[in-house]
Amino acid sequence: MNTLEIRDLRLSFRLPVGTVEVLHGISLRIARGERVALVGESGSGKSVTARIILGLLQEQRGVRLAGDIVFQGRNLLRLPPRERRAVRGTRISMIFQDPTSSLNPVFRIAPQFREVLARATPDLSEKAARARAAELLDEVAIPDAARVLDSYPFQLSGGMNQRIMIAMALANRPALLLADEPGTALDVTIQAQTLDLMRKLVVDHGTSVLFISHNLGVVREFADRTYVIYRGRIVEAGPTEAIFHDPRHAYTRALMAAQPRITGGGLPDIPERSDDFLAPLIEHEAAP
């Protein structure tokens, strides 16, 4: 059974010059306990897709959405706003790329943790919330939890704020975790610990993960299946190892060739426009 199924998702913005469509029929699926990656260059539509799933665009003026986003049998695009907000932060959570724009600078970390935990357990006491927050901080390798919980975000490093955001996203053991470049501000050791923690969620709780990243090496290590998105279109999809071993679409090949290499040298350009990029979705068959 799929935890999430997106069918023909289209996003348009109404601008003074007219209506501009930025997602052109996105379709993808994530099974229970599956780790799926969405990769593509900046501006291709990765993060905006995750924000639509979380319900952060539906209530904004000038936004037009079409298609279906079915989460655990319920179409999120058809839910009333109150029901949609109830899903956010409990059954679906997100690790945002920039913690400085997600944590509130005028509140200490402890009350922000309590607000997250209270979404699933409204009657949670302050003492119990603090104890649970300390456990979560330990899971993401943050020592001296008491000091951190009594700190403001601006008193902590960017990497520590990012780990706090990761802990908050995992706090209510969501059924679906949207991870938007979760290791951007982390060193390689903590990034590895974060990936291990997300793997543990998958194993222990059957959590599904949509992993958005520019780091193709991490994607290859972490994801079961991968979707490649270019200019608001899915251009290739299939088992991760199959895509990396035999990329079939011109854009996928160009994306992989653009990875920096230790030997140096210039990076190839990704063509601006080609009829090949408008070709139908290329699906890799799963190995028998």
C-alpha atoms as a PDB file:
ATOM      1  CA  MET A   1       0.000   0.000   0.000  1.00  0.00           C
ATOM      2  CA  ASN A   2       1.244   3.466  -0.879  1.00  0.00           C
ATOM      3  CA  THR A   3       1.653   6.019   1.890  1.00  0.00           C
ATOM      4  CA  LEU A   4       1.610   8.790  -0.720  1.00  0.00           C
ATOM      5  CA  GLU A   5       0.516   8.910  -4.343  1.00  0.00           C
ATOM      6  CA  ILE A   6       0.692  12.083  -6.416  1.00  0.00           C
ATOM      7  CA  ARG A   7      -1.210  12.051  -9.697  1.00  0.00           C
ATOM      8  CA  ASP A   8      -0.875  14.689 -12.415  1.00  0.00           C
ATOM      9  CA  LEU A   9      -0.028  17.506  -9.994  1.00  0.00           C
ATOM     10  CA  ARG A  10      -0.020  20.931 -11.622  1.00  0.00           C
ATOM     11  CA  LEU A  11       0.894  24.244 -10.004  1.00  0.00           C
ATOM     12  CA  SER A  12       0.299  27.670 -11.507  1.00  0.00           C
ATOM     13  CA  PHE A  13       0.847  31.192 -10.198  1.00  0.00           C
ATOM     14  CA  ARG A  14      -1.339  34.126 -11.242  1.00  0.00           C
ATOM     15  CA  LEU A  15       0.956  37.040 -12.007  1.00  0.00           C
ATOM     16  CA  PRO A  16       0.240  40.538 -13.363  1.00  0.00           C
ATOM     17  CA  VAL A  17       1.484  39.397 -16.764  1.00  0.00           C
ATOM     18  CA  GLY A  18      -0.673  36.263 -16.764  1.00  0.00           C
ATOM     19  CA  THR A  19      -0.776  32.729 -15.357  1.00  0.00           C
ATOM     20  CA  VAL A  20       2.480  30.770 -15.265  1.00  0.00           C
ATOM     21  CA  GLU A  21       2.493  26.986 -14.786  1.00  0.00           C
ATOM     22  CA  VAL A  22       5.570  25.726 -12.926  1.00  0.00           C
ATOM     23  CA  LEU A  23       4.667  22.071 -12.288  1.00  0.00           C
ATOM     24  CA  HIS A  24       3.473  20.174 -15.345  1.00  0.00           C
ATOM     25  CA  GLY A  25       1.724  16.965 -14.308  1.00  0.00           C
ATOM     26  CA  ILE A  26       3.984  15.563 -11.561  1.00  0.00           C
ATOM     27  CA  SER A  27       3.223  11.943 -10.633  1.00  0.00           C
ATOM     28  CA  LEU A  28       5.062   9.862  -8.043  1.00  0.00           C
ATOM     29  CA  ARG A  29       4.364   7.292  -5.351  1.00  0.00           C
ATOM     30  CA  ILE A  30       5.946   6.288  -2.053  1.00  0.00           C
ATOM     31  CA  ALA A  31       5.143   2.952  -0.419  1.00  0.00           C
ATOM     32  CA  ARG A  32       5.008   2.445   3.334  1.00  0.00           C
ATOM     33  CA  GLY A  33       8.557   2.312   4.702  1.00  0.00           C
ATOM     34  CA  GLU A  34      10.098   3.316   1.365  1.00  0.00           C
ATOM     35  CA  ARG A  35      12.849   5.888   0.882  1.00  0.00           C
ATOM     36  CA  VAL A  36      12.312   7.836  -2.338  1.00  0.00           C
ATOM     37  CA  ALA A  37      14.563  10.602  -3.671  1.00  0.00           C
ATOM     38  CA  LEU A  38      13.607  13.581  -5.825  1.00  0.00           C
ATOM     39  CA  VAL A  39      16.615  15.066  -7.595  1.00  0.00           C
ATOM     40  CA  GLY A  40      17.177  17.896 -10.039  1.00  0.00           C
ATOM     41  CA  GLU A  41      18.928  21.231 -10.347  1.00  0.00           C
ATOM     42  CA  SER A  42      17.861  24.347  -8.435  1.00  0.00           C
ATOM     43  CA  GLY A  43      14.544  25.693  -9.688  1.00  0.00           C
ATOM     44  CA  SER A  44      13.381  22.376 -11.113  1.00  0.00           C
ATOM     45  CA  GLY A  45      10.412  22.074  -8.725  1.00  0.00           C
ATOM     46  CA  LYS A  46      11.666  19.801  -5.924  1.00  0.00           C
ATOM     47  CA  SER A  47      11.051  21.956  -2.852  1.00  0.00           C
ATOM     48  CA  VAL A  48       7.779  23.426  -4.107  1.00  0.00           C
ATOM     49  CA  THR A  49       6.444  19.874  -4.581  1.00  0.00           C
ATOM     50  CA  ALA A  50       7.275  19.076  -0.948  1.00  0.00           C
ATOM     51  CA  ARG A  51       5.609  22.287   0.239  1.00  0.00           C
ATOM     52  CA  ILE A  52       2.424  21.409  -1.630  1.00  0.00           C
ATOM     53  CA  ILE A  53       2.357  17.973   0.025  1.00  0.00           C
ATOM     54  CA  LEU A  54       2.718  19.673   3.414  1.00  0.00           C
ATOM     55  CA  GLY A  55      -0.106  22.082   2.552  1.00  0.00           C
ATOM     56  CA  LEU A  56       1.870  25.307   2.633  1.00  0.00           C
ATOM     57  CA  LEU A  57       0.681  26.702  -0.711  1.00  0.00           C
ATOM     58  CA  GLN A  58      -2.986  25.766  -0.859  1.00  0.00           C
ATOM     59  CA  GLU A  59      -4.231  28.757   1.112  1.00  0.00           C
ATOM     60  CA  GLN A  60      -2.150  31.422  -0.623  1.00  0.00           C
ATOM     61  CA  ARG A  61      -3.653  33.877  -3.090  1.00  0.00           C
ATOM     62  CA  GLY A  62      -2.694  33.550  -6.724  1.00  0.00           C
ATOM     63  CA  VAL A  63      -1.981  29.816  -6.454  1.00  0.00           C
ATOM     64  CA  ARG A  64      -3.789  27.284  -8.616  1.00  0.00           C
ATOM     65  CA  LEU A  65      -3.424  23.568  -7.960  1.00  0.00           C
ATOM     66  CA  ALA A  66      -4.806  20.637  -9.933  1.00  0.00           C
ATOM     67  CA  GLY A  67      -4.380  16.887  -9.646  1.00  0.00           C
ATOM     68  CA  ASP A  68      -4.438  14.556  -6.654  1.00  0.00           C
ATOM     69  CA  ILE A  69      -2.238  14.077  -3.583  1.00  0.00           C
ATOM     70  CA  VAL A  70      -3.495  10.947  -1.845  1.00  0.00           C
ATOM     71  CA  PHE A  71      -2.005  10.372   1.625  1.00  0.00           C
ATOM     72  CA  GLN A  72      -3.088   7.230   3.454  1.00  0.00           C
ATOM     73  CA  GLY A  73      -6.245   7.106   1.354  1.00  0.00           C
ATOM     74  CA  ARG A  74      -7.213  10.797   1.772  1.00  0.00           C
ATOM     75  CA  ASN A  75      -6.848  13.379  -0.973  1.00  0.00           C
ATOM     76  CA  LEU A  76      -5.014  16.257   0.713  1.00  0.00           C
ATOM     77  CA  LEU A  77      -6.054  18.741  -1.971  1.00  0.00           C
ATOM     78  CA  ARG A  78      -9.717  18.071  -1.193  1.00  0.00           C
ATOM     79  CA  LEU A  79      -9.501  18.325   2.601  1.00  0.00           C
ATOM     80  CA  PRO A  80     -10.919  21.369   4.431  1.00  0.00           C
ATOM     81  CA  PRO A  81      -8.141  23.665   5.728  1.00  0.00           C
ATOM     82  CA  ARG A  82      -8.653  22.609   9.359  1.00  0.00           C
ATOM     83  CA  GLU A  83      -8.260  18.886   8.564  1.00  0.00           C
ATOM     84  CA  ARG A  84      -5.263  19.602   6.350  1.00  0.00           C
ATOM     85  CA  ARG A  85      -3.536  21.514   9.148  1.00  0.00           C
ATOM     86  CA  ALA A  86      -4.211  18.622  11.544  1.00  0.00           C
ATOM     87  CA  VAL A  87      -2.177  16.303   9.314  1.00  0.00           C
ATOM     88  CA  ARG A  88       0.755  18.736   9.144  1.00  0.00           C
ATOM     89  CA  GLY A  89       3.330  18.174  11.865  1.00  0.00           C
ATOM     90  CA  THR A  90       1.730  14.948  13.076  1.00  0.00           C
ATOM     91  CA  ARG A  91       1.294  12.460  10.208  1.00  0.00           C
ATOM     92  CA  ILE A  92       3.459  14.451   7.763  1.00  0.00           C
ATOM     93  CA  SER A  93       6.481  16.489   8.793  1.00  0.00           C
ATOM     94  CA  MET A  94       9.278  18.265   6.970  1.00  0.00           C
ATOM     95  CA  ILE A  95      12.940  18.997   7.517  1.00  0.00           C
ATOM     96  CA  PHE A  96      13.469  22.394   5.912  1.00  0.00           C
ATOM     97  CA  GLN A  97      16.686  23.340   4.189  1.00  0.00           C
ATOM     98  CA  ASP A  98      17.241  26.610   6.071  1.00  0.00           C
ATOM     99  CA  PRO A  99      16.774  26.348   9.862  1.00  0.00           C
ATOM    100  CA  THR A 100      17.262  30.101  10.361  1.00  0.00           C
ATOM    101  CA  SER A 101      13.977  30.787   8.559  1.00  0.00           C
ATOM    102  CA  SER A 102      12.106  27.990  10.348  1.00  0.00           C
ATOM    103  CA  LEU A 103      13.039  28.478  14.004  1.00  0.00           C
ATOM    104  CA  ASN A 104      11.551  31.531  15.727  1.00  0.00           C
ATOM    105  CA  PRO A 105      14.411  33.799  16.887  1.00  0.00           C
ATOM    106  CA  VAL A 106      12.424  35.382  19.727  1.00  0.00           C
ATOM    107  CA  PHE A 107      11.639  32.102  21.539  1.00  0.00           C
ATOM    108  CA  ARG A 108      13.950  29.664  23.264  1.00  0.00           C
ATOM    109  CA  ILE A 109      14.247  26.147  21.839  1.00  0.00           C
ATOM    110  CA  ALA A 110      12.256  24.420  24.644  1.00  0.00           C
ATOM    111  CA  PRO A 111       8.862  26.109  23.994  1.00  0.00           C
ATOM    112  CA  GLN A 112       9.292  25.566  20.251  1.00  0.00           C
ATOM    113  CA  PHE A 113       9.783  21.845  20.896  1.00  0.00           C
ATOM    114  CA  ARG A 114       6.744  21.785  23.159  1.00  0.00           C
ATOM    115  CA  GLU A 115       4.607  23.409  20.443  1.00  0.00           C
ATOM    116  CA  VAL A 116       5.610  20.661  17.998  1.00  0.00           C
ATOM    117  CA  LEU A 117       4.965  17.841  20.490  1.00  0.00           C
ATOM    118  CA  ALA A 118       1.619  19.349  21.502  1.00  0.00           C
ATOM    119  CA  ARG A 119       0.289  18.910  17.970  1.00  0.00           C
ATOM    120  CA  ALA A 120       0.110  15.166  18.630  1.00  0.00           C
ATOM    121  CA  THR A 121      -0.313  15.294  22.436  1.00  0.00           C
ATOM    122  CA  PRO A 122      -2.164  18.511  23.387  1.00  0.00           C
ATOM    123  CA  ASP A 123      -2.187  17.771  27.139  1.00  0.00           C
ATOM    124  CA  LEU A 124       1.569  17.121  27.360  1.00  0.00           C
ATOM    125  CA  SER A 125       3.031  18.825  30.427  1.00  0.00           C
ATOM    126  CA  GLU A 126       5.970  21.184  30.212  1.00  0.00           C
ATOM    127  CA  LYS A 127       8.149  18.756  32.177  1.00  0.00           C
ATOM    128  CA  ALA A 128       7.255  15.801  29.945  1.00  0.00           C
ATOM    129  CA  ALA A 129       7.784  17.866  26.791  1.00  0.00           C
ATOM    130  CA  ARG A 130      11.214  18.938  27.997  1.00  0.00           C
ATOM    131  CA  ALA A 131      12.204  15.348  28.784  1.00  0.00           C
ATOM    132  CA  ARG A 132      11.044  14.169  25.361  1.00  0.00           C
ATOM    133  CA  ALA A 133      12.882  17.046  23.659  1.00  0.00           C
ATOM    134  CA  ALA A 134      16.093  16.074  25.486  1.00  0.00           C
ATOM    135  CA  GLU A 135      15.724  12.497  24.191  1.00  0.00           C
ATOM    136  CA  LEU A 136      15.266  13.766  20.631  1.00  0.00           C
ATOM    137  CA  LEU A 137      18.305  16.046  20.867  1.00  0.00           C
ATOM    138  CA  ASP A 138      20.363  13.066  22.027  1.00  0.00           C
ATOM    139  CA  GLU A 139      19.183  11.111  18.969  1.00  0.00           C
ATOM    140  CA  VAL A 140      20.634  13.789  16.676  1.00  0.00           C
ATOM    141  CA  ALA A 141      23.924  13.902  18.603  1.00  0.00           C
ATOM    142  CA  ILE A 142      23.411  17.186  20.472  1.00  0.00           C
ATOM    143  CA  PRO A 143      25.067  17.104  23.915  1.00  0.00           C
ATOM    144  CA  ASP A 144      24.138  19.284  26.908  1.00  0.00           C
ATOM    145  CA  ALA A 145      20.426  19.294  26.073  1.00  0.00           C
ATOM    146  CA  ALA A 146      19.528  21.505  29.059  1.00  0.00           C
ATOM    147  CA  ARG A 147      21.693  24.354  27.782  1.00  0.00           C
ATOM    148  CA  VAL A 148      20.437  23.998  24.219  1.00  0.00           C
ATOM    149  CA  LEU A 149      16.769  23.945  25.252  1.00  0.00           C
ATOM    150  CA  ASP A 150      17.270  27.182  27.204  1.00  0.00           C
ATOM    151  CA  SER A 151      19.057  28.865  24.279  1.00  0.00           C
ATOM    152  CA  TYR A 152      17.719  31.078  21.508  1.00  0.00           C
ATOM    153  CA  PRO A 153      18.379  29.925  17.921  1.00  0.00           C
ATOM    154  CA  PHE A 154      20.813  32.807  17.295  1.00  0.00           C
ATOM    155  CA  GLN A 155      22.965  31.554  20.201  1.00  0.00           C
ATOM    156  CA  LEU A 156      23.558  28.241  18.410  1.00  0.00           C
ATOM    157  CA  SER A 157      25.505  27.301  15.301  1.00  0.00           C
ATOM    158  CA  GLY A 158      23.817  26.724  11.949  1.00  0.00           C
ATOM    159  CA  GLY A 159      24.592  23.007  12.095  1.00  0.00           C
ATOM    160  CA  MET A 160      23.102  22.696  15.578  1.00  0.00           C
ATOM    161  CA  ASN A 161      19.942  24.540  14.506  1.00  0.00           C
ATOM    162  CA  GLN A 162      19.661  22.168  11.560  1.00  0.00           C
ATOM    163  CA  ARG A 163      19.873  19.147  13.888  1.00  0.00           C
ATOM    164  CA  ILE A 164      17.219  20.715  16.115  1.00  0.00           C
ATOM    165  CA  MET A 165      14.944  21.049  13.081  1.00  0.00           C
ATOM    166  CA  ILE A 166      15.580  17.391  12.243  1.00  0.00           C
ATOM    167  CA  ALA A 167      14.718  16.371  15.814  1.00  0.00           C
ATOM    168  CA  MET A 168      11.495  18.406  15.664  1.00  0.00           C
ATOM    169  CA  ALA A 169      10.505  16.806  12.375  1.00  0.00           C
ATOM    170  CA  LEU A 170      10.968  13.345  13.869  1.00  0.00           C
ATOM    171  CA  ALA A 171       9.315  14.209  17.194  1.00  0.00           C
ATOM    172  CA  ASN A 172       5.827  12.843  16.476  1.00  0.00           C
ATOM    173  CA  ARG A 173       7.021   9.787  14.521  1.00  0.00           C
ATOM    174  CA  PRO A 174       5.348  10.850  11.249  1.00  0.00           C
ATOM    175  CA  ALA A 175       4.071   8.428   8.640  1.00  0.00           C
ATOM    176  CA  LEU A 176       5.717  10.573   5.944  1.00  0.00           C
ATOM    177  CA  LEU A 177       8.898  12.590   6.346  1.00  0.00           C
ATOM    178  CA  LEU A 178       9.776  15.223   3.739  1.00  0.00           C
ATOM    179  CA  ALA A 179      13.523  15.874   3.950  1.00  0.00           C
ATOM    180  CA  ASP A 180      14.596  18.924   1.918  1.00  0.00           C
ATOM    181  CA  GLU A 181      18.402  18.931   1.803  1.00  0.00           C
ATOM    182  CA  PRO A 182      18.602  17.851   5.474  1.00  0.00           C
ATOM    183  CA  GLY A 183      22.410  17.703   5.497  1.00  0.00           C
ATOM    184  CA  THR A 184      23.202  21.079   3.921  1.00  0.00           C
ATOM    185  CA  ALA A 185      24.499  22.721   7.099  1.00  0.00           C
ATOM    186  CA  LEU A 186      26.012  19.564   8.620  1.00  0.00           C
ATOM    187  CA  ASP A 187      29.486  18.089   8.517  1.00  0.00           C
ATOM    188  CA  VAL A 188      29.826  14.629   6.979  1.00  0.00           C
ATOM    189  CA  THR A 189      29.862  12.808  10.327  1.00  0.00           C
ATOM    190  CA  ILE A 190      26.611  14.354  11.597  1.00  0.00           C
ATOM    191  CA  GLN A 191      25.075  13.983   8.128  1.00  0.00           C
ATOM    192  CA  ALA A 192      25.785  10.247   8.281  1.00  0.00           C
ATOM    193  CA  GLN A 193      24.185  10.066  11.737  1.00  0.00           C
ATOM    194  CA  THR A 194      21.107  11.875  10.411  1.00  0.00           C
ATOM    195  CA  LEU A 195      20.723   9.413   7.543  1.00  0.00           C
ATOM    196  CA  ASP A 196      21.096   6.522   9.992  1.00  0.00           C
ATOM    197  CA  LEU A 197      18.362   8.054  12.161  1.00  0.00           C
ATOM    198  CA  MET A 198      15.998   8.349   9.189  1.00  0.00           C
ATOM    199  CA  ARG A 199      16.755   4.722   8.255  1.00  0.00           C
ATOM    200  CA  LYS A 200      15.889   3.714  11.826  1.00  0.00           C
ATOM    201  CA  LEU A 201      12.547   5.520  11.525  1.00  0.00           C
ATOM    202  CA  VAL A 202      11.800   3.527   8.387  1.00  0.00           C
ATOM    203  CA  VAL A 203      12.636   0.218  10.075  1.00  0.00           C
ATOM    204  CA  ASP A 204      11.076   0.866  13.495  1.00  0.00           C
ATOM    205  CA  HIS A 205       7.957   2.805  12.515  1.00  0.00           C
ATOM    206  CA  GLY A 206       7.396   2.141   8.805  1.00  0.00           C
ATOM    207  CA  THR A 207       7.955   5.821   8.064  1.00  0.00           C
ATOM    208  CA  SER A 208       8.097   6.759   4.379  1.00  0.00           C
ATOM    209  CA  VAL A 209      10.694   9.339   3.307  1.00  0.00           C
ATOM    210  CA  LEU A 210      10.758  11.754   0.380  1.00  0.00           C
ATOM    211  CA  PHE A 211      14.401  12.797   0.237  1.00  0.00           C
ATOM    212  CA  ILE A 212      15.255  15.955  -1.722  1.00  0.00           C
ATOM    213  CA  SER A 213      18.927  16.519  -2.364  1.00  0.00           C
ATOM    214  CA  HIS A 214      21.577  17.872  -4.724  1.00  0.00           C
ATOM    215  CA  ASN A 215      24.048  15.340  -3.322  1.00  0.00           C
ATOM    216  CA  LEU A 216      23.777  12.437  -5.734  1.00  0.00           C
ATOM    217  CA  GLY A 217      26.265  10.377  -3.725  1.00  0.00           C
ATOM    218  CA  VAL A 218      24.009  10.541  -0.658  1.00  0.00           C
ATOM    219  CA  VAL A 219      20.947   9.798  -2.807  1.00  0.00           C
ATOM    220  CA  ARG A 220      22.591   6.673  -4.188  1.00  0.00           C
ATOM    221  CA  GLU A 221      23.416   5.496  -0.671  1.00  0.00           C
ATOM    222  CA  PHE A 222      20.054   6.330   0.913  1.00  0.00           C
ATOM    223  CA  ALA A 223      17.164   6.009  -1.553  1.00  0.00           C
ATOM    224  CA  ASP A 224      15.366   2.875  -2.724  1.00  0.00           C
ATOM    225  CA  ARG A 225      13.925   4.643  -5.775  1.00  0.00           C
ATOM    226  CA  THR A 226      14.651   7.965  -7.452  1.00  0.00           C
ATOM    227  CA  TYR A 227      12.657  10.465  -9.502  1.00  0.00           C
ATOM    228  CA  VAL A 228      14.491  12.983 -11.675  1.00  0.00           C
ATOM    229  CA  ILE A 229      12.701  16.312 -12.156  1.00  0.00           C
ATOM    230  CA  TYR A 230      13.525  18.984 -14.746  1.00  0.00           C
ATOM    231  CA  ARG A 231      11.587  22.217 -15.278  1.00  0.00           C
ATOM    232  CA  GLY A 232       8.558  20.938 -13.418  1.00  0.00           C
ATOM    233  CA  ARG A 233       8.430  17.565 -15.172  1.00  0.00           C
ATOM    234  CA  ILE A 234       9.453  14.101 -14.030  1.00  0.00           C
ATOM    235  CA  VAL A 235      11.773  12.894 -16.781  1.00  0.00           C
ATOM    236  CA  GLU A 236      13.065   9.627 -15.303  1.00  0.00           C
ATOM    237  CA  ALA A 237      12.063   7.278 -12.488  1.00  0.00           C
ATOM    238  CA  GLY A 238      13.043   3.878 -11.196  1.00  0.00           C
ATOM    239  CA  PRO A 239      15.202   1.958  -8.727  1.00  0.00           C
ATOM    240  CA  THR A 240      18.062   4.193  -7.636  1.00  0.00           C
ATOM    241  CA  GLU A 241      20.851   1.798  -8.591  1.00  0.00           C
ATOM    242  CA  ALA A 242      19.350   1.268 -12.055  1.00  0.00           C
ATOM    243  CA  ILE A 243      19.212   5.019 -12.708  1.00  0.00           C
ATOM    244  CA  PHE A 244      22.793   5.550 -11.563  1.00  0.00           C
ATOM    245  CA  HIS A 245      24.091   2.519 -13.429  1.00  0.00           C
ATOM    246  CA  ASP A 246      22.221   3.225 -16.671  1.00  0.00           C
ATOM    247  CA  PRO A 247      20.703   6.750 -16.873  1.00  0.00           C
ATOM    248  CA  ARG A 248      18.445   6.770 -19.925  1.00  0.00           C
ATOM    249  CA  HIS A 249      17.336  10.383 -20.176  1.00  0.00           C
ATOM    250  CA  ALA A 250      19.639  13.068 -21.553  1.00  0.00           C
ATOM    251  CA  TYR A 251      19.003  15.345 -18.580  1.00  0.00           C
ATOM    252  CA  THR A 252      19.815  12.602 -16.055  1.00  0.00           C
ATOM    253  CA  ARG A 253      23.095  11.905 -17.838  1.00  0.00           C
ATOM    254  CA  ALA A 254      23.942  15.620 -17.873  1.00  0.00           C
ATOM    255  CA  LEU A 255      23.074  15.947 -14.170  1.00  0.00           C
ATOM    256  CA  MET A 256      25.397  13.104 -13.224  1.00  0.00           C
ATOM    257  CA  ALA A 257      28.180  14.411 -15.439  1.00  0.00           C
ATOM    258  CA  ALA A 258      27.938  17.751 -13.609  1.00  0.00           C
ATOM    259  CA  GLN A 259      29.082  16.297 -10.286  1.00  0.00           C
ATOM    260  CA  PRO A 260      32.373  17.843  -9.109  1.00  0.00           C
ATOM    261  CA  ARG A 261      35.309  15.470  -9.383  1.00  0.00           C
ATOM    262  CA  ILE A 262      38.424  15.284  -7.283  1.00  0.00           C
ATOM    263  CA  THR A 263      40.532  15.486 -10.437  1.00  0.00           C
ATOM    264  CA  GLY A 264      39.189  18.984 -11.114  1.00  0.00           C
ATOM    265  CA  GLY A 265      38.356  20.373 -14.520  1.00  0.00           C
ATOM    266  CA  GLY A 266      35.332  22.277 -15.768  1.00  0.00           C
ATOM    267  CA  LEU A 267      31.770  21.097 -15.433  1.00  0.00           C
ATOM    268  CA  PRO A 268      29.657  20.396 -18.513  1.00  0.00           C
ATOM    269  CA  ASP A 269      26.730  22.660 -19.275  1.00  0.00           C
ATOM    270  CA  ILE A 270      23.207  21.331 -18.993  1.00  0.00           C
ATOM    271  CA  PRO A 271      21.460  22.290 -22.226  1.00  0.00           C
ATOM    272  CA  GLU A 272      18.852  25.005 -21.834  1.00  0.00           C
ATOM    273  CA  ARG A 273      16.323  23.507 -24.176  1.00  0.00           C
ATOM    274  CA  SER A 274      15.992  20.286 -26.078  1.00  0.00           C
ATOM    275  CA  ASP A 275      13.077  18.346 -27.491  1.00  0.00           C
ATOM    276  CA  ASP A 276      14.447  15.349 -25.618  1.00  0.00           C
ATOM    277  CA  PHE A 277      13.655  17.016 -22.288  1.00  0.00           C
ATOM    278  CA  LEU A 278       9.979  17.061 -23.257  1.00  0.00           C
ATOM    279  CA  ALA A 279       9.969  13.319 -23.931  1.00  0.00           C
ATOM    280  CA  PRO A 280       7.624  11.101 -21.909  1.00  0.00           C
ATOM    281  CA  LEU A 281       8.665   9.758 -18.524  1.00  0.00           C
ATOM    282  CA  ILE A 282      11.343   7.082 -18.733  1.00  0.00           C
ATOM    283  CA  GLU A 283      10.646   4.276 -16.233  1.00  0.00           C
ATOM    284  CA  HIS A 284      13.273   1.696 -15.276  1.00  0.00           C
ATOM    285  CA  GLU A 285      11.837  -1.746 -14.787  1.00  0.00           C
ATOM    286  CA  ALA A 286      12.478  -3.232 -11.362  1.00  0.00           C
ATOM    287  CA  ALA A 287      14.888  -6.145 -11.337  1.00  0.00           C
ATOM    288  CA  PRO A 288      13.112  -9.501 -11.047  1.00  0.00           C
END
